[in-house]
Amino acid sequence: MEQLVLRAKEGTLSAAEVDAVAARLTSEPLDEDTYSLLYVIARTRATRHRRIVESFLDCSEDPMLARLAVQTLCTFWGEADRYRDVLDRFIAGVEWDEDGDVRDVALSALEAR
């Protein structure tokens, strides 16, 4: 997994490898690799997998995945305006974001736009 993340950061993953990561995210339950896999999609700017990233926005069982989804869509991909309603909802607070991690990244994304 570390090698995969490193290659995503370096920009050396092929489109087929990124697509395989996306397929794994949609076909397997959440596990210890889910965050890293989502991070690969984020770092490779694989906007063709937007729906997969969006599916993690309401990941109440793991707020850090929701946090990464917000950060990916709004900060890494620079689309905060497109997700303004999502940002507003997280800034107002959601019950399952107990530590405020999603709220913090939503505030940061809104300020950076």
Protein backbone atom coordinates (compact mmCIF):
# COMPACT_ATOMS: atom_id res chain seq x y z
CA MET A 1 0.00 0.00 0.00
CA GLU A 2 2.83 2.41 0.82
CA GLN A 3 4.31 1.90 -2.64
CA LEU A 4 0.95 2.60 -4.26
CA VAL A 5 0.56 5.85 -2.33
CA LEU A 6 4.13 6.87 -3.14
CA ARG A 7 3.60 6.24 -6.84
CA ALA A 8 0.36 8.27 -6.71
CA LYS A 9 2.28 11.18 -5.19
CA GLU A 10 4.97 10.85 -7.84
CA GLY A 11 2.40 10.69 -10.63
CA THR A 12 3.67 7.35 -11.92
CA LEU A 13 0.46 5.31 -11.72
CA SER A 14 -1.14 4.35 -14.99
CA ALA A 15 -4.78 5.08 -15.70
CA ALA A 16 -5.46 1.35 -15.48
CA GLU A 17 -3.89 1.18 -12.01
CA VAL A 18 -5.98 4.14 -10.84
CA ASP A 19 -9.09 2.48 -12.26
CA ALA A 20 -8.21 -0.71 -10.36
CA VAL A 21 -7.98 1.32 -7.15
CA ALA A 22 -11.39 2.84 -7.89
CA ALA A 23 -12.86 -0.60 -8.54
CA ARG A 24 -11.51 -1.83 -5.23
CA LEU A 25 -13.04 1.14 -3.41
CA THR A 26 -16.48 0.28 -4.78
CA SER A 27 -16.32 -3.48 -4.43
CA GLU A 28 -14.89 -4.00 -0.96
CA PRO A 29 -16.15 -3.03 2.48
CA LEU A 30 -14.34 -0.35 4.46
CA ASP A 31 -11.08 -1.64 5.88
CA GLU A 32 -7.63 -0.44 6.91
CA ASP A 33 -6.70 0.27 3.27
CA THR A 34 -9.73 2.38 2.36
CA TYR A 35 -8.17 5.70 3.38
CA SER A 36 -5.02 5.03 1.37
CA LEU A 37 -7.01 3.95 -1.66
CA LEU A 38 -9.14 7.10 -1.53
CA TYR A 39 -5.97 9.15 -1.11
CA VAL A 40 -4.59 7.59 -4.31
CA ILE A 41 -7.67 8.78 -6.20
CA ALA A 42 -7.21 12.23 -4.67
CA ARG A 43 -3.51 12.55 -5.47
CA THR A 44 -3.84 11.33 -9.04
CA ARG A 45 -6.56 13.92 -9.67
CA ALA A 46 -8.71 11.13 -11.12
CA THR A 47 -11.80 13.32 -11.48
CA ARG A 48 -13.40 10.63 -13.62
CA HIS A 49 -13.95 8.85 -10.28
CA ARG A 50 -15.77 11.81 -8.74
CA ARG A 51 -18.84 9.73 -7.84
CA ILE A 52 -16.71 7.38 -5.79
CA VAL A 53 -15.16 10.26 -3.86
CA GLU A 54 -18.61 11.80 -3.38
CA SER A 55 -19.86 8.52 -1.93
CA PHE A 56 -17.57 9.07 1.07
CA LEU A 57 -18.95 12.53 1.92
CA ASP A 58 -21.44 11.05 4.37
CA CYS A 59 -19.22 8.30 5.74
CA SER A 60 -20.47 8.55 9.31
CA GLU A 61 -18.75 5.28 10.25
CA ASP A 62 -15.35 6.87 9.50
CA PRO A 63 -15.32 10.68 9.58
CA MET A 64 -11.72 10.75 8.39
CA LEU A 65 -12.89 9.30 5.07
CA ALA A 66 -15.51 12.05 4.82
CA ARG A 67 -12.81 14.58 5.67
CA LEU A 68 -10.59 13.27 2.87
CA ALA A 69 -13.51 13.32 0.44
CA VAL A 70 -14.20 16.99 1.22
CA GLN A 71 -10.52 17.83 1.00
CA THR A 72 -10.20 15.99 -2.31
CA LEU A 73 -13.18 17.57 -4.01
CA CYS A 74 -12.84 21.07 -2.64
CA THR A 75 -9.14 21.61 -2.03
CA PHE A 76 -7.09 19.16 -4.08
CA TRP A 77 -9.40 19.40 -7.08
CA GLY A 78 -10.28 23.07 -6.50
CA GLU A 79 -14.05 22.66 -6.74
CA ALA A 80 -15.25 24.23 -3.51
CA ASP A 81 -17.83 26.35 -5.36
CA ARG A 82 -19.41 23.22 -6.79
CA TYR A 83 -19.76 21.74 -3.30
CA ARG A 84 -20.82 24.86 -1.43
CA ASP A 85 -23.95 23.18 -0.03
CA VAL A 86 -21.83 20.30 1.29
CA LEU A 87 -19.37 22.72 2.88
CA ASP A 88 -22.18 24.69 4.49
CA ARG A 89 -23.67 21.51 5.94
CA PHE A 90 -20.36 20.40 7.45
CA ILE A 91 -19.56 23.88 8.74
CA ALA A 92 -22.93 23.93 10.50
CA GLY A 93 -21.98 20.56 11.95
CA VAL A 94 -23.14 17.01 11.56
CA GLU A 95 -23.81 14.77 14.52
CA TRP A 96 -21.28 12.11 13.61
CA ASP A 97 -18.32 14.52 13.22
CA GLU A 98 -17.61 14.35 16.94
CA ASP A 99 -14.05 15.71 16.76
CA GLY A 100 -14.88 18.39 14.18
CA ASP A 101 -12.37 17.07 11.64
CA VAL A 102 -14.77 17.33 8.71
CA ARG A 103 -15.94 20.75 9.86
CA ASP A 104 -12.34 22.00 10.04
CA VAL A 105 -11.47 20.88 6.52
CA ALA A 106 -14.75 22.34 5.20
CA LEU A 107 -13.90 25.70 6.80
CA SER A 108 -10.42 25.56 5.32
CA ALA A 109 -11.77 24.70 1.86
CA LEU A 110 -14.26 27.56 1.98
CA GLU A 111 -11.61 30.06 3.04
CA ALA A 112 -9.18 28.89 0.33
CA ARG A 113 -11.61 29.22 -2.58
